Amino acid sequence: MPIYEYQCEQCRKIFEAIVSLRSEADILCKYCGGKETKKLISAGVSLAPGTEKSPGCRPRGGFS
């Protein structure tokens, strides 16, 4: 099952939830129990050509 990020409309905190498509409507905030949550758009991961099998997959440019 995929992991999604949600934001609570009541307390505005962001949390992760493992969700099946059938239970997506039943997501409650992990902090306040609020029923008004929205799924956030997550950023995808892109690998530079030739790095698909590189250990660590660190971005170039000095980030650690």
PDB file of N, CA and C in Angstrom:
ATOM      1  N   MET A   1       0.834  -1.179   0.000  1.00  0.00           N
ATOM      2  CA  MET A   1       0.000   0.000   0.000  1.00  0.00           C
ATOM      3  C   MET A   1       0.881   1.245   0.000  1.00  0.00           C
ATOM      4  N   PRO A   2       0.488   2.267  -0.729  1.00  0.00           N
ATOM      5  CA  PRO A   2       1.311   3.482  -0.818  1.00  0.00           C
ATOM      6  C   PRO A   2       1.206   4.359   0.429  1.00  0.00           C
ATOM      7  N   ILE A   3       2.233   5.172   0.634  1.00  0.00           N
ATOM      8  CA  ILE A   3       2.251   6.148   1.717  1.00  0.00           C
ATOM      9  C   ILE A   3       1.981   7.515   1.098  1.00  0.00           C
ATOM     10  N   TYR A   4       1.023   8.244   1.677  1.00  0.00           N
ATOM     11  CA  TYR A   4       0.680   9.572   1.196  1.00  0.00           C
ATOM     12  C   TYR A   4       0.853  10.582   2.314  1.00  0.00           C
ATOM     13  N   GLU A   5       1.082  11.850   1.935  1.00  0.00           N
ATOM     14  CA  GLU A   5       1.116  12.946   2.891  1.00  0.00           C
ATOM     15  C   GLU A   5      -0.243  13.633   2.880  1.00  0.00           C
ATOM     16  N   TYR A   6      -0.722  13.962   4.069  1.00  0.00           N
ATOM     17  CA  TYR A   6      -2.000  14.653   4.220  1.00  0.00           C
ATOM     18  C   TYR A   6      -1.791  15.878   5.094  1.00  0.00           C
ATOM     19  N   GLN A   7      -2.683  16.857   4.940  1.00  0.00           N
ATOM     20  CA  GLN A   7      -2.697  18.007   5.823  1.00  0.00           C
ATOM     21  C   GLN A   7      -4.082  18.131   6.435  1.00  0.00           C
ATOM     22  N   CYS A   8      -4.102  18.360   7.742  1.00  0.00           N
ATOM     23  CA  CYS A   8      -5.358  18.516   8.465  1.00  0.00           C
ATOM     24  C   CYS A   8      -5.883  19.934   8.255  1.00  0.00           C
ATOM     25  N   GLU A   9      -7.150  20.069   7.924  1.00  0.00           N
ATOM     26  CA  GLU A   9      -7.764  21.377   7.735  1.00  0.00           C
ATOM     27  C   GLU A   9      -8.026  22.071   9.070  1.00  0.00           C
ATOM     28  N   GLN A  10      -8.055  21.324  10.169  1.00  0.00           N
ATOM     29  CA  GLN A  10      -8.334  21.917  11.478  1.00  0.00           C
ATOM     30  C   GLN A  10      -7.063  22.426  12.158  1.00  0.00           C
ATOM     31  N   CYS A  11      -6.056  21.555  12.328  1.00  0.00           N
ATOM     32  CA  CYS A  11      -4.838  21.966  13.034  1.00  0.00           C
ATOM     33  C   CYS A  11      -3.703  22.336  12.082  1.00  0.00           C
ATOM     34  N   ARG A  12      -3.894  22.098  10.768  1.00  0.00           N
ATOM     35  CA  ARG A  12      -2.942  22.456   9.700  1.00  0.00           C
ATOM     36  C   ARG A  12      -1.635  21.658   9.744  1.00  0.00           C
ATOM     37  N   LYS A  13      -1.554  20.611  10.543  1.00  0.00           N
ATOM     38  CA  LYS A  13      -0.334  19.790  10.595  1.00  0.00           C
ATOM     39  C   LYS A  13      -0.316  18.808   9.430  1.00  0.00           C
ATOM     40  N   ILE A  14       0.899  18.457   9.007  1.00  0.00           N
ATOM     41  CA  ILE A  14       1.105  17.513   7.915  1.00  0.00           C
ATOM     42  C   ILE A  14       1.525  16.182   8.516  1.00  0.00           C
ATOM     43  N   PHE A  15       0.954  15.093   7.992  1.00  0.00           N
ATOM     44  CA  PHE A  15       1.276  13.760   8.483  1.00  0.00           C
ATOM     45  C   PHE A  15       1.237  12.774   7.322  1.00  0.00           C
ATOM     46  N   GLU A  16       1.834  11.606   7.530  1.00  0.00           N
ATOM     47  CA  GLU A  16       1.840  10.544   6.531  1.00  0.00           C
ATOM     48  C   GLU A  16       0.872   9.450   6.941  1.00  0.00           C
ATOM     49  N   ALA A  17       0.305   8.795   5.939  1.00  0.00           N
ATOM     50  CA  ALA A  17      -0.597   7.674   6.201  1.00  0.00           C
ATOM     51  C   ALA A  17      -0.426   6.631   5.110  1.00  0.00           C
ATOM     52  N   ILE A  18      -0.435   5.362   5.512  1.00  0.00           N
ATOM     53  CA  ILE A  18      -0.444   4.252   4.562  1.00  0.00           C
ATOM     54  C   ILE A  18      -1.909   3.987   4.237  1.00  0.00           C
ATOM     55  N   VAL A  19      -2.248   4.076   2.968  1.00  0.00           N
ATOM     56  CA  VAL A  19      -3.662   4.095   2.589  1.00  0.00           C
ATOM     57  C   VAL A  19      -3.942   3.148   1.431  1.00  0.00           C
ATOM     58  N   SER A  20      -5.001   2.371   1.577  1.00  0.00           N
ATOM     59  CA  SER A  20      -5.517   1.630   0.432  1.00  0.00           C
ATOM     60  C   SER A  20      -6.556   2.520  -0.235  1.00  0.00           C
ATOM     61  N   LEU A  21      -6.840   2.286  -1.495  1.00  0.00           N
ATOM     62  CA  LEU A  21      -7.796   3.129  -2.212  1.00  0.00           C
ATOM     63  C   LEU A  21      -9.169   3.094  -1.576  1.00  0.00           C
ATOM     64  N   ARG A  22      -9.530   1.992  -0.955  1.00  0.00           N
ATOM     65  CA  ARG A  22     -10.851   1.872  -0.350  1.00  0.00           C
ATOM     66  C   ARG A  22     -10.983   2.677   0.937  1.00  0.00           C
ATOM     67  N   SER A  23      -9.904   2.870   1.675  1.00  0.00           N
ATOM     68  CA  SER A  23     -10.005   3.548   2.967  1.00  0.00           C
ATOM     69  C   SER A  23      -9.582   5.015   2.901  1.00  0.00           C
ATOM     70  N   GLU A  24      -9.343   5.543   1.713  1.00  0.00           N
ATOM     71  CA  GLU A  24      -8.844   6.909   1.584  1.00  0.00           C
ATOM     72  C   GLU A  24      -9.809   7.948   2.155  1.00  0.00           C
ATOM     73  N   ALA A  25     -11.090   7.711   2.113  1.00  0.00           N
ATOM     74  CA  ALA A  25     -12.075   8.666   2.626  1.00  0.00           C
ATOM     75  C   ALA A  25     -12.108   8.689   4.146  1.00  0.00           C
ATOM     76  N   ASP A  26     -11.488   7.720   4.809  1.00  0.00           N
ATOM     77  CA  ASP A  26     -11.546   7.600   6.265  1.00  0.00           C
ATOM     78  C   ASP A  26     -10.275   8.062   6.968  1.00  0.00           C
ATOM     79  N   ILE A  27      -9.496   8.948   6.359  1.00  0.00           N
ATOM     80  CA  ILE A  27      -8.237   9.395   6.938  1.00  0.00           C
ATOM     81  C   ILE A  27      -8.514  10.426   8.033  1.00  0.00           C
ATOM     82  N   LEU A  28      -8.037  10.148   9.240  1.00  0.00           N
ATOM     83  CA  LEU A  28      -8.155  11.079  10.357  1.00  0.00           C
ATOM     84  C   LEU A  28      -6.776  11.645  10.678  1.00  0.00           C
ATOM     85  N   CYS A  29      -6.751  12.896  11.127  1.00  0.00           N
ATOM     86  CA  CYS A  29      -5.500  13.533  11.511  1.00  0.00           C
ATOM     87  C   CYS A  29      -4.884  12.781  12.688  1.00  0.00           C
ATOM     88  N   LYS A  30      -3.588  12.491  12.594  1.00  0.00           N
ATOM     89  CA  LYS A  30      -2.893  11.776  13.665  1.00  0.00           C
ATOM     90  C   LYS A  30      -2.653  12.652  14.882  1.00  0.00           C
ATOM     91  N   TYR A  31      -2.794  13.971  14.736  1.00  0.00           N
ATOM     92  CA  TYR A  31      -2.521  14.889  15.839  1.00  0.00           C
ATOM     93  C   TYR A  31      -3.783  15.284  16.601  1.00  0.00           C
ATOM     94  N   CYS A  32      -4.842  15.671  15.878  1.00  0.00           N
ATOM     95  CA  CYS A  32      -6.043  16.164  16.561  1.00  0.00           C
ATOM     96  C   CYS A  32      -7.279  15.304  16.311  1.00  0.00           C
ATOM     97  N   GLY A  33      -7.172  14.302  15.424  1.00  0.00           N
ATOM     98  CA  GLY A  33      -8.305  13.442  15.125  1.00  0.00           C
ATOM     99  C   GLY A  33      -9.299  14.048  14.147  1.00  0.00           C
ATOM    100  N   GLY A  34      -8.941  15.188  13.555  1.00  0.00           N
ATOM    101  CA  GLY A  34      -9.832  15.868  12.623  1.00  0.00           C
ATOM    102  C   GLY A  34     -10.177  15.014  11.409  1.00  0.00           C
ATOM    103  N   LYS A  35     -11.406  15.157  10.931  1.00  0.00           N
ATOM    104  CA  LYS A  35     -11.875  14.382   9.774  1.00  0.00           C
ATOM    105  C   LYS A  35     -11.651  15.111   8.452  1.00  0.00           C
ATOM    106  N   GLU A  36     -11.374  16.408   8.512  1.00  0.00           N
ATOM    107  CA  GLU A  36     -11.166  17.205   7.308  1.00  0.00           C
ATOM    108  C   GLU A  36      -9.690  17.196   6.939  1.00  0.00           C
ATOM    109  N   THR A  37      -9.285  16.252   6.090  1.00  0.00           N
ATOM    110  CA  THR A  37      -7.897  16.153   5.656  1.00  0.00           C
ATOM    111  C   THR A  37      -7.846  16.204   4.139  1.00  0.00           C
ATOM    112  N   LYS A  38      -6.714  16.676   3.613  1.00  0.00           N
ATOM    113  CA  LYS A  38      -6.542  16.676   2.159  1.00  0.00           C
ATOM    114  C   LYS A  38      -5.193  16.065   1.816  1.00  0.00           C
ATOM    115  N   LYS A  39      -5.179  15.311   0.721  1.00  0.00           N
ATOM    116  CA  LYS A  39      -3.948  14.667   0.264  1.00  0.00           C
ATOM    117  C   LYS A  39      -3.077  15.713  -0.408  1.00  0.00           C
ATOM    118  N   LEU A  40      -1.797  15.744  -0.057  1.00  0.00           N
ATOM    119  CA  LEU A  40      -0.855  16.674  -0.645  1.00  0.00           C
ATOM    120  C   LEU A  40      -0.174  16.045  -1.850  1.00  0.00           C
ATOM    121  N   ILE A  41       0.246  16.873  -2.761  1.00  0.00           N
ATOM    122  CA  ILE A  41       0.985  16.399  -3.929  1.00  0.00           C
ATOM    123  C   ILE A  41       2.440  16.241  -3.519  1.00  0.00           C
ATOM    124  N   SER A  42       2.962  15.050  -3.676  1.00  0.00           N
ATOM    125  CA  SER A  42       4.338  14.762  -3.297  1.00  0.00           C
ATOM    126  C   SER A  42       5.257  14.972  -4.487  1.00  0.00           C
ATOM    127  N   ALA A  43       6.459  15.407  -4.203  1.00  0.00           N
ATOM    128  CA  ALA A  43       7.459  15.573  -5.252  1.00  0.00           C
ATOM    129  C   ALA A  43       7.999  14.208  -5.660  1.00  0.00           C
ATOM    130  N   GLY A  44       8.201  14.006  -6.919  1.00  0.00           N
ATOM    131  CA  GLY A  44       8.765  12.756  -7.409  1.00  0.00           C
ATOM    132  C   GLY A  44      10.276  12.757  -7.294  1.00  0.00           C
ATOM    133  N   VAL A  45      10.863  11.617  -7.490  1.00  0.00           N
ATOM    134  CA  VAL A  45      12.313  11.472  -7.440  1.00  0.00           C
ATOM    135  C   VAL A  45      12.808  11.203  -8.848  1.00  0.00           C
ATOM    136  N   SER A  46      13.838  11.919  -9.246  1.00  0.00           N
ATOM    137  CA  SER A  46      14.414  11.731 -10.566  1.00  0.00           C
ATOM    138  C   SER A  46      15.896  11.462 -10.404  1.00  0.00           C
ATOM    139  N   LEU A  47      16.371  10.431 -11.065  1.00  0.00           N
ATOM    140  CA  LEU A  47      17.784  10.094 -11.022  1.00  0.00           C
ATOM    141  C   LEU A  47      18.463  10.561 -12.299  1.00  0.00           C
ATOM    142  N   ALA A  48      19.688  11.021 -12.165  1.00  0.00           N
ATOM    143  CA  ALA A  48      20.461  11.409 -13.336  1.00  0.00           C
ATOM    144  C   ALA A  48      20.794  10.157 -14.140  1.00  0.00           C
ATOM    145  N   PRO A  49      20.948  10.285 -15.451  1.00  0.00           N
ATOM    146  CA  PRO A  49      21.281   9.115 -16.270  1.00  0.00           C
ATOM    147  C   PRO A  49      22.533   8.412 -15.755  1.00  0.00           C
ATOM    148  N   GLY A  50      22.461   7.110 -15.656  1.00  0.00           N
ATOM    149  CA  GLY A  50      23.601   6.315 -15.214  1.00  0.00           C
ATOM    150  C   GLY A  50      23.685   6.137 -13.709  1.00  0.00           C
ATOM    151  N   THR A  51      22.764   6.720 -12.944  1.00  0.00           N
ATOM    152  CA  THR A  51      22.832   6.608 -11.481  1.00  0.00           C
ATOM    153  C   THR A  51      21.774   5.668 -10.925  1.00  0.00           C
ATOM    154  N   GLU A  52      21.054   4.974 -11.779  1.00  0.00           N
ATOM    155  CA  GLU A  52      19.965   4.113 -11.327  1.00  0.00           C
ATOM    156  C   GLU A  52      20.420   3.078 -10.308  1.00  0.00           C
ATOM    157  N   LYS A  53      21.672   2.625 -10.397  1.00  0.00           N
ATOM    158  CA  LYS A  53      22.161   1.582  -9.509  1.00  0.00           C
ATOM    159  C   LYS A  53      23.237   2.084  -8.558  1.00  0.00           C
ATOM    160  N   SER A  54      23.412   3.406  -8.469  1.00  0.00           N
ATOM    161  CA  SER A  54      24.443   3.956  -7.591  1.00  0.00           C
ATOM    162  C   SER A  54      24.003   3.883  -6.139  1.00  0.00           C
ATOM    163  N   PRO A  55      24.865   3.408  -5.235  1.00  0.00           N
ATOM    164  CA  PRO A  55      24.495   3.373  -3.823  1.00  0.00           C
ATOM    165  C   PRO A  55      24.407   4.781  -3.255  1.00  0.00           C
ATOM    166  N   GLY A  56      23.454   5.008  -2.388  1.00  0.00           N
ATOM    167  CA  GLY A  56      23.313   6.296  -1.728  1.00  0.00           C
ATOM    168  C   GLY A  56      22.426   7.279  -2.453  1.00  0.00           C
ATOM    169  N   CYS A  57      22.485   7.319  -3.760  1.00  0.00           N
ATOM    170  CA  CYS A  57      21.677   8.221  -4.588  1.00  0.00           C
ATOM    171  C   CYS A  57      21.680   9.641  -4.050  1.00  0.00           C
ATOM    172  N   ARG A  58      22.846  10.196  -3.753  1.00  0.00           N
ATOM    173  CA  ARG A  58      22.930  11.554  -3.256  1.00  0.00           C
ATOM    174  C   ARG A  58      22.905  12.537  -4.419  1.00  0.00           C
ATOM    175  N   PRO A  59      22.240  13.689  -4.233  1.00  0.00           N
ATOM    176  CA  PRO A  59      22.242  14.682  -5.294  1.00  0.00           C
ATOM    177  C   PRO A  59      23.612  15.309  -5.447  1.00  0.00           C
ATOM    178  N   ARG A  60      23.937  15.756  -6.642  1.00  0.00           N
ATOM    179  CA  ARG A  60      25.214  16.410  -6.885  1.00  0.00           C
ATOM    180  C   ARG A  60      25.130  17.859  -6.403  1.00  0.00           C
ATOM    181  N   GLY A  61      26.273  18.466  -6.135  1.00  0.00           N
ATOM    182  CA  GLY A  61      26.289  19.857  -5.764  1.00  0.00           C
ATOM    183  C   GLY A  61      26.602  20.094  -4.293  1.00  0.00           C
ATOM    184  N   GLY A  62      27.103  19.102  -3.604  1.00  0.00           N
ATOM    185  CA  GLY A  62      27.557  19.285  -2.236  1.00  0.00           C
ATOM    186  C   GLY A  62      26.514  19.046  -1.158  1.00  0.00           C
ATOM    187  N   PHE A  63      25.348  18.622  -1.504  1.00  0.00           N
ATOM    188  CA  PHE A  63      24.357  18.323  -0.467  1.00  0.00           C
ATOM    189  C   PHE A  63      24.699  16.995   0.192  1.00  0.00           C
ATOM    190  N   SER A  64      24.476  16.905   1.500  1.00  0.00           N
ATOM    191  CA  SER A  64      24.741  15.626   2.167  1.00  0.00           C
ATOM    192  C   SER A  64      23.540  15.130   2.895  1.00  0.00           C
TER     193      SER A  64
END
